[in-house]
Amino acid sequence: MNCIDLLTIFYKTIPSSLNIVGTTVKEILRHIEKSYGSEIDEEILFELRVVLNELIVNAIIHGNKFDVRKKIKITSGLTKDKRAYFIITDDGDGYDYNYILKKCNELPHMACNEHLSESGRGILIVKSLCEQIIFNKNGSEVMIIKKLEKD
């Protein structure tokens, strides 16, 4: 997906069920905290929870259309410079993420929110909380990079 030095510490495949999102997010964050080696600021942990919840829920609802036979693959870890990364992949057909990102680069922030459906706003929230967001060509896989220290 990208040429960033990644150190994978967590890999999990889950069914497309909203019932397990909360416990999955907690499990991922426990691994990130343990691997980081020092305490992560509560505000950053909150942002990580928001990002992970949004990406996993999007994959379940929009990617896999709630089909429990389809899976969500989650890979996470730290980069060599101690940033968290998450790769969320669904079994769906993908979507036109460029439309959302382009639309919001063209419009002022508030106008952007008014022109997007509720589901399109989630990716904007994720983008605003992360240093980097990268999609595969068809939009069925997303990778984010998030600093674990405040500026």
C-alpha atoms as a PDB file:
ATOM      1  CA  MET A   1       0.000   0.000   0.000  1.00  0.00           C
ATOM      2  CA  ASN A   2       2.794   2.439   0.872  1.00  0.00           C
ATOM      3  CA  CYS A   3       6.537   2.437   1.472  1.00  0.00           C
ATOM      4  CA  ILE A   4       6.426   3.323   5.188  1.00  0.00           C
ATOM      5  CA  ASP A   5       8.498   1.276   7.632  1.00  0.00           C
ATOM      6  CA  LEU A   6       5.746  -0.641   9.402  1.00  0.00           C
ATOM      7  CA  LEU A   7       6.123  -2.946  12.354  1.00  0.00           C
ATOM      8  CA  THR A   8       3.022  -5.137  12.483  1.00  0.00           C
ATOM      9  CA  ILE A   9       1.961  -5.982  16.000  1.00  0.00           C
ATOM     10  CA  PHE A  10      -1.694  -6.916  15.602  1.00  0.00           C
ATOM     11  CA  TYR A  11      -3.717  -8.731  12.993  1.00  0.00           C
ATOM     12  CA  LYS A  12      -7.339  -9.778  13.291  1.00  0.00           C
ATOM     13  CA  THR A  13     -10.163 -10.852  10.999  1.00  0.00           C
ATOM     14  CA  ILE A  14     -13.709 -10.266  12.211  1.00  0.00           C
ATOM     15  CA  PRO A  15     -17.180 -10.930  10.798  1.00  0.00           C
ATOM     16  CA  SER A  16     -19.284  -7.979   9.633  1.00  0.00           C
ATOM     17  CA  SER A  17     -21.132  -7.565  12.928  1.00  0.00           C
ATOM     18  CA  LEU A  18     -21.559  -4.281  14.771  1.00  0.00           C
ATOM     19  CA  ASN A  19     -21.792  -6.219  18.073  1.00  0.00           C
ATOM     20  CA  ILE A  20     -18.041  -6.830  18.213  1.00  0.00           C
ATOM     21  CA  VAL A  21     -16.748  -3.409  17.163  1.00  0.00           C
ATOM     22  CA  GLY A  22     -16.294  -2.075  20.714  1.00  0.00           C
ATOM     23  CA  THR A  23     -14.383  -5.098  22.011  1.00  0.00           C
ATOM     24  CA  THR A  24     -12.262  -5.222  18.842  1.00  0.00           C
ATOM     25  CA  VAL A  25     -11.296  -1.550  19.208  1.00  0.00           C
ATOM     26  CA  LYS A  26     -10.363  -2.093  22.864  1.00  0.00           C
ATOM     27  CA  GLU A  27      -8.221  -5.087  21.929  1.00  0.00           C
ATOM     28  CA  ILE A  28      -6.384  -3.144  19.205  1.00  0.00           C
ATOM     29  CA  LEU A  29      -5.729  -0.183  21.512  1.00  0.00           C
ATOM     30  CA  ARG A  30      -4.400  -2.479  24.266  1.00  0.00           C
ATOM     31  CA  HIS A  31      -1.841  -3.818  21.781  1.00  0.00           C
ATOM     32  CA  ILE A  32      -0.884  -0.316  20.634  1.00  0.00           C
ATOM     33  CA  GLU A  33      -0.442   0.905  24.218  1.00  0.00           C
ATOM     34  CA  LYS A  34       1.609  -2.147  25.188  1.00  0.00           C
ATOM     35  CA  SER A  35       3.857  -1.807  22.129  1.00  0.00           C
ATOM     36  CA  TYR A  36       4.292   1.938  22.556  1.00  0.00           C
ATOM     37  CA  GLY A  37       5.984   1.379  25.889  1.00  0.00           C
ATOM     38  CA  SER A  38       4.838   4.534  27.636  1.00  0.00           C
ATOM     39  CA  GLU A  39       1.517   6.112  28.494  1.00  0.00           C
ATOM     40  CA  ILE A  40      -0.504   7.551  25.617  1.00  0.00           C
ATOM     41  CA  ASP A  41      -2.376  10.789  26.281  1.00  0.00           C
ATOM     42  CA  GLU A  42      -6.125  10.281  26.947  1.00  0.00           C
ATOM     43  CA  GLU A  43      -7.084  12.739  24.189  1.00  0.00           C
ATOM     44  CA  ILE A  44      -5.053  10.793  21.634  1.00  0.00           C
ATOM     45  CA  LEU A  45      -6.565   7.504  22.854  1.00  0.00           C
ATOM     46  CA  PHE A  46     -10.024   9.016  22.423  1.00  0.00           C
ATOM     47  CA  GLU A  47      -9.156  10.081  18.866  1.00  0.00           C
ATOM     48  CA  LEU A  48      -7.837   6.573  18.118  1.00  0.00           C
ATOM     49  CA  ARG A  49     -11.115   5.093  19.410  1.00  0.00           C
ATOM     50  CA  VAL A  50     -13.120   7.429  17.165  1.00  0.00           C
ATOM     51  CA  VAL A  51     -10.977   6.612  14.122  1.00  0.00           C
ATOM     52  CA  LEU A  52     -11.072   2.845  14.630  1.00  0.00           C
ATOM     53  CA  ASN A  53     -14.798   2.785  15.364  1.00  0.00           C
ATOM     54  CA  GLU A  54     -15.528   4.862  12.277  1.00  0.00           C
ATOM     55  CA  LEU A  55     -13.349   2.800   9.945  1.00  0.00           C
ATOM     56  CA  ILE A  56     -14.577  -0.585  11.175  1.00  0.00           C
ATOM     57  CA  VAL A  57     -18.246   0.469  11.198  1.00  0.00           C
ATOM     58  CA  ASN A  58     -17.850   1.926   7.675  1.00  0.00           C
ATOM     59  CA  ALA A  59     -16.369  -1.369   6.488  1.00  0.00           C
ATOM     60  CA  ILE A  60     -19.258  -3.330   7.994  1.00  0.00           C
ATOM     61  CA  ILE A  61     -22.071  -1.054   6.814  1.00  0.00           C
ATOM     62  CA  HIS A  62     -20.842   0.380   3.518  1.00  0.00           C
ATOM     63  CA  GLY A  63     -18.242  -2.171   2.449  1.00  0.00           C
ATOM     64  CA  ASN A  64     -19.725  -5.503   3.422  1.00  0.00           C
ATOM     65  CA  LYS A  65     -23.375  -4.356   3.634  1.00  0.00           C
ATOM     66  CA  PHE A  66     -23.854  -6.117   7.006  1.00  0.00           C
ATOM     67  CA  ASP A  67     -23.152  -9.510   5.385  1.00  0.00           C
ATOM     68  CA  VAL A  68     -21.736 -11.563   8.296  1.00  0.00           C
ATOM     69  CA  ARG A  69     -20.226 -14.016   5.805  1.00  0.00           C
ATOM     70  CA  LYS A  70     -17.933 -11.207   4.625  1.00  0.00           C
ATOM     71  CA  LYS A  71     -14.925 -10.355   6.756  1.00  0.00           C
ATOM     72  CA  ILE A  72     -13.100  -7.251   7.934  1.00  0.00           C
ATOM     73  CA  LYS A  73      -9.313  -7.554   8.137  1.00  0.00           C
ATOM     74  CA  ILE A  74      -7.525  -5.312  10.595  1.00  0.00           C
ATOM     75  CA  THR A  75      -3.792  -4.817  10.757  1.00  0.00           C
ATOM     76  CA  SER A  76      -2.242  -2.360  13.181  1.00  0.00           C
ATOM     77  CA  GLY A  77       1.030  -1.501  14.764  1.00  0.00           C
ATOM     78  CA  LEU A  78       3.654   1.153  15.138  1.00  0.00           C
ATOM     79  CA  THR A  79       5.923   2.671  12.555  1.00  0.00           C
ATOM     80  CA  LYS A  80       9.628   2.895  13.317  1.00  0.00           C
ATOM     81  CA  ASP A  81       9.084   6.497  14.401  1.00  0.00           C
ATOM     82  CA  LYS A  82       6.401   5.365  16.914  1.00  0.00           C
ATOM     83  CA  ARG A  83       3.280   6.452  15.026  1.00  0.00           C
ATOM     84  CA  ALA A  84       0.248   4.175  15.105  1.00  0.00           C
ATOM     85  CA  TYR A  85      -1.025   2.753  11.840  1.00  0.00           C
ATOM     86  CA  PHE A  86      -4.229   0.911  11.046  1.00  0.00           C
ATOM     87  CA  ILE A  87      -5.171  -0.894   7.851  1.00  0.00           C
ATOM     88  CA  ILE A  88      -8.837  -1.834   7.536  1.00  0.00           C
ATOM     89  CA  THR A  89      -9.881  -4.008   4.592  1.00  0.00           C
ATOM     90  CA  ASP A  90     -13.389  -5.175   3.744  1.00  0.00           C
ATOM     91  CA  ASP A  91     -14.701  -7.693   1.208  1.00  0.00           C
ATOM     92  CA  GLY A  92     -16.946  -5.140  -0.497  1.00  0.00           C
ATOM     93  CA  ASP A  93     -16.726  -3.514  -3.909  1.00  0.00           C
ATOM     94  CA  GLY A  94     -15.220  -0.273  -2.579  1.00  0.00           C
ATOM     95  CA  TYR A  95     -16.448   3.287  -3.074  1.00  0.00           C
ATOM     96  CA  ASP A  96     -15.424   6.568  -4.630  1.00  0.00           C
ATOM     97  CA  TYR A  97     -13.491   8.111  -1.739  1.00  0.00           C
ATOM     98  CA  ASN A  98     -11.996  10.704  -4.104  1.00  0.00           C
ATOM     99  CA  TYR A  99     -15.442  12.235  -4.558  1.00  0.00           C
ATOM    100  CA  ILE A 100     -15.714  12.970  -0.829  1.00  0.00           C
ATOM    101  CA  LEU A 101     -12.147  14.229  -0.456  1.00  0.00           C
ATOM    102  CA  LYS A 102     -12.356  16.349  -3.618  1.00  0.00           C
ATOM    103  CA  LYS A 103     -15.757  17.814  -2.704  1.00  0.00           C
ATOM    104  CA  CYS A 104     -14.457  18.937   0.664  1.00  0.00           C
ATOM    105  CA  ASN A 105     -11.285  20.446  -0.732  1.00  0.00           C
ATOM    106  CA  GLU A 106     -13.465  22.591  -3.024  1.00  0.00           C
ATOM    107  CA  LEU A 107     -15.947  23.800  -0.403  1.00  0.00           C
ATOM    108  CA  PRO A 108     -15.541  25.650   2.890  1.00  0.00           C
ATOM    109  CA  HIS A 109     -15.753  23.303   5.888  1.00  0.00           C
ATOM    110  CA  MET A 110     -19.393  24.024   6.809  1.00  0.00           C
ATOM    111  CA  ALA A 111     -20.571  23.904   3.192  1.00  0.00           C
ATOM    112  CA  CYS A 112     -18.780  20.592   2.803  1.00  0.00           C
ATOM    113  CA  ASN A 113     -20.696  19.124   5.745  1.00  0.00           C
ATOM    114  CA  GLU A 114     -24.005  20.304   4.283  1.00  0.00           C
ATOM    115  CA  HIS A 115     -23.284  18.697   0.882  1.00  0.00           C
ATOM    116  CA  LEU A 116     -22.346  15.266   2.223  1.00  0.00           C
ATOM    117  CA  SER A 117     -24.609  12.600   3.580  1.00  0.00           C
ATOM    118  CA  GLU A 118     -24.065  11.532   7.167  1.00  0.00           C
ATOM    119  CA  SER A 119     -22.041   8.542   5.971  1.00  0.00           C
ATOM    120  CA  GLY A 120     -19.612  10.718   3.987  1.00  0.00           C
ATOM    121  CA  ARG A 121     -18.783  12.805   7.022  1.00  0.00           C
ATOM    122  CA  GLY A 122     -17.144   9.918   8.869  1.00  0.00           C
ATOM    123  CA  ILE A 123     -14.179   9.812   6.511  1.00  0.00           C
ATOM    124  CA  LEU A 124     -13.739  13.571   6.978  1.00  0.00           C
ATOM    125  CA  ILE A 125     -13.667  13.101  10.744  1.00  0.00           C
ATOM    126  CA  VAL A 126     -11.045  10.353  10.360  1.00  0.00           C
ATOM    127  CA  LYS A 127      -9.019  12.542   7.989  1.00  0.00           C
ATOM    128  CA  SER A 128      -9.100  15.445  10.454  1.00  0.00           C
ATOM    129  CA  LEU A 129      -7.826  13.249  13.319  1.00  0.00           C
ATOM    130  CA  CYS A 130      -4.956  11.576  11.449  1.00  0.00           C
ATOM    131  CA  GLU A 131      -1.719  12.667   9.846  1.00  0.00           C
ATOM    132  CA  GLN A 132      -2.244  10.503   6.785  1.00  0.00           C
ATOM    133  CA  ILE A 133      -5.076   8.557   5.156  1.00  0.00           C
ATOM    134  CA  ILE A 134      -4.498   6.338   2.124  1.00  0.00           C
ATOM    135  CA  PHE A 135      -7.036   4.272   0.179  1.00  0.00           C
ATOM    136  CA  ASN A 136      -6.404   1.423  -2.218  1.00  0.00           C
ATOM    137  CA  LYS A 137      -7.546   1.958  -5.793  1.00  0.00           C
ATOM    138  CA  ASN A 138     -11.158   0.814  -5.361  1.00  0.00           C
ATOM    139  CA  GLY A 139     -11.698   2.076  -1.812  1.00  0.00           C
ATOM    140  CA  SER A 140     -12.091  -1.282  -0.051  1.00  0.00           C
ATOM    141  CA  GLU A 141      -8.951  -0.757   2.021  1.00  0.00           C
ATOM    142  CA  VAL A 142      -7.888   2.263   4.022  1.00  0.00           C
ATOM    143  CA  MET A 143      -4.682   2.935   5.924  1.00  0.00           C
ATOM    144  CA  ILE A 144      -4.248   5.709   8.454  1.00  0.00           C
ATOM    145  CA  ILE A 145      -1.204   6.990  10.297  1.00  0.00           C
ATOM    146  CA  LYS A 146      -1.630   8.775  13.644  1.00  0.00           C
ATOM    147  CA  LYS A 147       0.967  10.421  15.858  1.00  0.00           C
ATOM    148  CA  LEU A 148       0.855   9.211  19.449  1.00  0.00           C
ATOM    149  CA  GLU A 149       2.337  12.368  20.933  1.00  0.00           C
ATOM    150  CA  LYS A 150       0.842  15.836  21.069  1.00  0.00           C
ATOM    151  CA  ASP A 151       2.583  18.619  19.172  1.00  0.00           C
END
